[in-house]
Amino acid sequence: MIVNEATRVLDSASQSSVFDAIKNAMESRGLVWVNGEEVDPAQFSRIFVAEAGKVKESPTKKRNQE
């Protein structure tokens, strides 16, 4: 599932609720969450950043703890 700016117009409490519901529904499946704002890296197993037309993987807190 690809989610692109799905919660941008919602308040922070609603954003959190929607994110949690989608994340739970997609557990053990692929989920791409596109967001123009910074997100809490602890919510994701991997984060990719697009910069200057190139995609880079950024290590997350979870990966660094492994």
N, C-alpha and C. Protein backbone atom coordinates (compact mmCIF):
# COMPACT_ATOMS: atom_id res chain seq x y z
N MET A 1 0.86 -1.16 0.00
CA MET A 1 0.00 0.00 0.00
C MET A 1 0.90 1.23 0.00
N ILE A 2 0.57 2.19 -0.81
CA ILE A 2 1.30 3.46 -0.84
C ILE A 2 0.36 4.54 -0.34
N VAL A 3 0.79 5.25 0.69
CA VAL A 3 0.00 6.32 1.30
C VAL A 3 0.76 7.62 1.08
N ASN A 4 0.17 8.55 0.35
CA ASN A 4 0.85 9.79 -0.01
C ASN A 4 0.15 10.98 0.63
N GLU A 5 0.80 11.57 1.63
CA GLU A 5 0.28 12.76 2.30
C GLU A 5 -1.15 12.56 2.82
N ALA A 6 -1.45 11.37 3.29
CA ALA A 6 -2.81 10.99 3.66
C ALA A 6 -3.37 11.78 4.84
N THR A 7 -2.52 12.23 5.72
CA THR A 7 -3.02 12.86 6.95
C THR A 7 -2.66 14.34 7.05
N ARG A 8 -2.16 14.91 5.99
CA ARG A 8 -1.65 16.29 6.02
C ARG A 8 -2.68 17.31 6.53
N VAL A 9 -3.94 17.16 6.20
CA VAL A 9 -4.95 18.15 6.57
C VAL A 9 -5.57 17.89 7.94
N LEU A 10 -5.15 16.82 8.61
CA LEU A 10 -5.72 16.46 9.91
C LEU A 10 -4.92 17.06 11.06
N ASP A 11 -5.58 17.23 12.20
CA ASP A 11 -4.86 17.66 13.40
C ASP A 11 -3.97 16.51 13.88
N SER A 12 -3.04 16.78 14.78
CA SER A 12 -2.05 15.78 15.17
C SER A 12 -2.66 14.54 15.82
N ALA A 13 -3.71 14.69 16.61
CA ALA A 13 -4.36 13.52 17.24
C ALA A 13 -5.00 12.63 16.17
N SER A 14 -5.66 13.24 15.20
CA SER A 14 -6.28 12.48 14.11
C SER A 14 -5.22 11.83 13.23
N GLN A 15 -4.13 12.55 12.97
CA GLN A 15 -3.03 11.98 12.19
C GLN A 15 -2.51 10.71 12.85
N SER A 16 -2.32 10.78 14.14
CA SER A 16 -1.81 9.63 14.89
C SER A 16 -2.78 8.45 14.82
N SER A 17 -4.06 8.71 14.96
CA SER A 17 -5.08 7.65 14.91
C SER A 17 -5.11 6.98 13.54
N VAL A 18 -5.08 7.78 12.49
CA VAL A 18 -5.11 7.24 11.13
C VAL A 18 -3.85 6.44 10.86
N PHE A 19 -2.70 6.98 11.25
CA PHE A 19 -1.44 6.27 11.05
C PHE A 19 -1.45 4.92 11.76
N ASP A 20 -1.86 4.91 13.03
CA ASP A 20 -1.91 3.66 13.79
C ASP A 20 -2.84 2.64 13.15
N ALA A 21 -4.00 3.09 12.68
CA ALA A 21 -4.96 2.17 12.06
C ALA A 21 -4.39 1.57 10.77
N ILE A 22 -3.78 2.39 9.94
CA ILE A 22 -3.20 1.89 8.69
C ILE A 22 -2.03 0.97 8.98
N LYS A 23 -1.18 1.36 9.90
CA LYS A 23 -0.01 0.54 10.26
C LYS A 23 -0.45 -0.82 10.79
N ASN A 24 -1.46 -0.85 11.63
CA ASN A 24 -1.96 -2.12 12.16
C ASN A 24 -2.60 -2.97 11.07
N ALA A 25 -3.34 -2.35 10.17
CA ALA A 25 -3.99 -3.08 9.09
C ALA A 25 -2.97 -3.66 8.11
N MET A 26 -1.84 -3.01 7.98
CA MET A 26 -0.83 -3.44 7.02
C MET A 26 0.30 -4.25 7.66
N GLU A 27 0.14 -4.63 8.91
CA GLU A 27 1.18 -5.40 9.59
C GLU A 27 1.54 -6.64 8.77
N SER A 28 2.82 -6.90 8.64
CA SER A 28 3.36 -8.03 7.86
C SER A 28 3.16 -7.86 6.36
N ARG A 29 2.82 -6.67 5.92
CA ARG A 29 2.68 -6.36 4.49
C ARG A 29 3.48 -5.10 4.20
N GLY A 30 3.64 -4.80 2.95
CA GLY A 30 4.40 -3.61 2.56
C GLY A 30 3.59 -2.34 2.71
N LEU A 31 4.21 -1.33 3.27
CA LEU A 31 3.57 -0.02 3.43
C LEU A 31 4.59 1.06 3.10
N VAL A 32 4.26 1.91 2.16
CA VAL A 32 5.08 3.07 1.82
C VAL A 32 4.31 4.29 2.26
N TRP A 33 4.89 5.04 3.19
CA TRP A 33 4.24 6.22 3.75
C TRP A 33 5.00 7.44 3.25
N VAL A 34 4.38 8.23 2.36
CA VAL A 34 5.01 9.41 1.80
C VAL A 34 4.56 10.62 2.59
N ASN A 35 5.54 11.36 3.09
CA ASN A 35 5.21 12.50 3.93
C ASN A 35 6.21 13.61 3.67
N GLY A 36 5.73 14.82 3.46
CA GLY A 36 6.60 15.96 3.23
C GLY A 36 7.21 16.51 4.49
N GLU A 37 6.70 16.11 5.62
CA GLU A 37 7.22 16.59 6.90
C GLU A 37 8.03 15.48 7.57
N GLU A 38 8.86 15.87 8.53
CA GLU A 38 9.62 14.86 9.27
C GLU A 38 8.69 13.99 10.09
N VAL A 39 9.05 12.72 10.21
CA VAL A 39 8.26 11.77 10.99
C VAL A 39 9.14 11.14 12.05
N ASP A 40 8.52 10.54 13.03
CA ASP A 40 9.26 9.84 14.08
C ASP A 40 9.83 8.56 13.49
N PRO A 41 11.14 8.44 13.38
CA PRO A 41 11.73 7.25 12.75
C PRO A 41 11.44 5.96 13.51
N ALA A 42 11.09 6.05 14.79
CA ALA A 42 10.79 4.84 15.57
C ALA A 42 9.53 4.14 15.05
N GLN A 43 8.71 4.83 14.28
CA GLN A 43 7.47 4.26 13.74
C GLN A 43 7.71 3.33 12.55
N PHE A 44 8.92 3.36 11.98
CA PHE A 44 9.19 2.64 10.74
C PHE A 44 10.42 1.75 10.87
N SER A 45 10.44 0.66 10.13
CA SER A 45 11.62 -0.21 10.14
C SER A 45 12.70 0.34 9.22
N ARG A 46 12.31 1.05 8.16
CA ARG A 46 13.27 1.68 7.25
C ARG A 46 12.70 3.00 6.76
N ILE A 47 13.58 3.95 6.54
CA ILE A 47 13.18 5.25 6.01
C ILE A 47 14.04 5.56 4.81
N PHE A 48 13.40 6.02 3.74
CA PHE A 48 14.11 6.45 2.55
C PHE A 48 13.85 7.92 2.36
N VAL A 49 14.89 8.65 1.99
CA VAL A 49 14.78 10.09 1.78
C VAL A 49 15.10 10.38 0.32
N ALA A 50 14.25 11.14 -0.34
CA ALA A 50 14.52 11.57 -1.71
C ALA A 50 15.19 12.94 -1.63
N GLU A 51 16.34 13.02 -2.28
CA GLU A 51 17.10 14.26 -2.25
C GLU A 51 17.79 14.47 -3.59
N ALA A 52 17.54 15.59 -4.21
CA ALA A 52 18.14 15.93 -5.50
C ALA A 52 17.88 14.84 -6.54
N GLY A 53 16.67 14.29 -6.53
CA GLY A 53 16.30 13.29 -7.50
C GLY A 53 16.83 11.90 -7.24
N LYS A 54 17.49 11.69 -6.10
CA LYS A 54 18.02 10.37 -5.75
C LYS A 54 17.41 9.92 -4.43
N VAL A 55 17.20 8.63 -4.34
CA VAL A 55 16.63 8.07 -3.12
C VAL A 55 17.75 7.48 -2.29
N LYS A 56 17.78 7.87 -1.01
CA LYS A 56 18.79 7.39 -0.08
C LYS A 56 18.10 6.74 1.10
N GLU A 57 18.65 5.65 1.58
CA GLU A 57 18.11 5.03 2.79
C GLU A 57 18.76 5.70 3.98
N SER A 58 17.97 6.03 4.97
CA SER A 58 18.47 6.59 6.21
C SER A 58 18.33 5.56 7.31
N PRO A 59 19.38 5.29 8.06
CA PRO A 59 19.23 4.34 9.16
C PRO A 59 18.26 4.89 10.19
N THR A 60 17.49 4.01 10.77
CA THR A 60 16.53 4.42 11.80
C THR A 60 17.01 3.96 13.16
N LYS A 61 16.36 4.44 14.17
CA LYS A 61 16.69 4.07 15.54
C LYS A 61 16.62 2.56 15.71
N LYS A 62 15.58 1.92 15.17
CA LYS A 62 15.42 0.47 15.30
C LYS A 62 16.58 -0.27 14.67
N ARG A 63 16.98 0.11 13.45
CA ARG A 63 18.07 -0.56 12.75
C ARG A 63 19.38 -0.37 13.50
N ASN A 64 19.61 0.79 14.06
CA ASN A 64 20.85 1.05 14.78
C ASN A 64 20.95 0.24 16.05
N GLN A 65 19.83 -0.19 16.60
CA GLN A 65 19.82 -0.96 17.84
C GLN A 65 20.06 -2.44 17.57
N GLU A 66 19.93 -2.89 16.31
CA GLU A 66 20.09 -4.32 15.99
C GLU A 66 21.55 -4.72 16.04
